[in-house]
Amino acid sequence: MLATAEHVDVRGHGPGGRYRGHYRGNTLDKWRRWLKKACDAGYPAYVYFDNDQKSAAPKDAAKLSELMDVRIDRDE
């Protein structure tokens, strides 16, 4: 892992980058493993899902949160 900042920032624009569609479980699990390594190394992580069509973003965020066993912070 190459650090270029003091935090980790992941932006999910959907598979293929077209702001739609759900991520497969194996993709989210790969992200989980990578994010865990970053967090264990002391980097805070921020993940933003922007695959909004048909409510894919909140479902993918909830699935990754479940895999990571962390809570989701919601802007109010």
Protein backbone atom coordinates (compact mmCIF):
# COMPACT_ATOMS: atom_id res chain seq x y z
CA MET A 1 0.00 0.00 0.00
CA LEU A 2 1.37 3.41 -0.97
CA ALA A 3 0.31 6.31 1.26
CA THR A 4 -0.27 9.62 -0.51
CA ALA A 5 -2.41 11.21 2.23
CA GLU A 6 -3.12 10.86 5.95
CA HIS A 7 -6.47 9.18 5.26
CA VAL A 8 -8.11 6.72 2.89
CA ASP A 9 -10.83 7.99 0.57
CA VAL A 10 -12.86 5.51 -1.51
CA ARG A 11 -15.47 6.67 -4.00
CA GLY A 12 -17.74 4.03 -5.48
CA HIS A 13 -19.40 5.19 -8.68
CA GLY A 14 -20.80 1.77 -9.42
CA PRO A 15 -19.36 -1.14 -11.35
CA GLY A 16 -18.07 0.29 -14.59
CA GLY A 17 -18.14 3.82 -13.14
CA ARG A 18 -21.56 4.72 -14.53
CA TYR A 19 -23.23 5.72 -11.23
CA ARG A 20 -25.50 2.67 -11.22
CA GLY A 21 -25.56 -0.99 -10.33
CA HIS A 22 -24.60 -2.91 -7.21
CA TYR A 23 -21.11 -4.05 -6.36
CA ARG A 24 -20.60 -7.79 -6.12
CA GLY A 25 -19.93 -9.29 -2.73
CA ASN A 26 -16.40 -10.31 -3.67
CA THR A 27 -15.60 -6.71 -4.66
CA LEU A 28 -16.88 -5.36 -1.35
CA ASP A 29 -14.94 -8.04 0.49
CA LYS A 30 -11.75 -7.03 -1.36
CA TRP A 31 -12.41 -3.43 -0.30
CA ARG A 32 -13.01 -4.62 3.27
CA ARG A 33 -9.62 -6.34 3.41
CA TRP A 34 -7.84 -3.32 1.92
CA LEU A 35 -9.64 -0.88 4.23
CA LYS A 36 -8.85 -3.03 7.28
CA LYS A 37 -5.13 -2.92 6.42
CA ALA A 38 -5.29 0.85 6.04
CA CYS A 39 -7.17 1.31 9.33
CA ASP A 40 -4.81 -1.07 11.14
CA ALA A 41 -1.94 1.09 9.85
CA GLY A 42 -3.59 4.12 11.49
CA TYR A 43 -5.31 5.73 8.50
CA PRO A 44 -8.91 6.90 8.97
CA ALA A 45 -11.09 5.69 6.10
CA TYR A 46 -13.94 7.44 4.31
CA VAL A 47 -16.10 5.57 1.81
CA TYR A 48 -18.64 7.30 -0.42
CA PHE A 49 -21.02 5.40 -2.68
CA ASP A 50 -22.42 7.42 -5.58
CA ASN A 51 -24.12 4.60 -7.50
CA ASP A 52 -27.53 6.10 -6.83
CA GLN A 53 -29.80 4.60 -9.46
CA LYS A 54 -32.38 2.24 -7.94
CA SER A 55 -31.03 2.80 -4.41
CA ALA A 56 -27.82 0.85 -5.02
CA ALA A 57 -25.65 3.25 -2.97
CA PRO A 58 -27.29 2.85 0.45
CA LYS A 59 -27.57 -0.91 0.03
CA ASP A 60 -23.89 -1.24 -0.93
CA ALA A 61 -22.89 1.05 1.95
CA ALA A 62 -24.91 -1.07 4.38
CA LYS A 63 -23.36 -4.28 3.03
CA LEU A 64 -19.79 -2.93 3.33
CA SER A 65 -20.57 -1.61 6.81
CA GLU A 66 -21.85 -5.06 7.79
CA LEU A 67 -18.72 -6.71 6.36
CA MET A 68 -16.50 -4.25 8.24
CA ASP A 69 -18.60 -4.53 11.41
CA VAL A 70 -18.78 -0.73 11.76
CA ARG A 71 -21.55 1.81 11.94
CA ILE A 72 -22.44 4.18 9.13
CA ASP A 73 -22.12 7.90 9.83
CA ARG A 74 -24.96 9.78 8.18
CA ASP A 75 -24.93 13.48 7.38
CA GLU A 76 -27.85 15.24 9.00
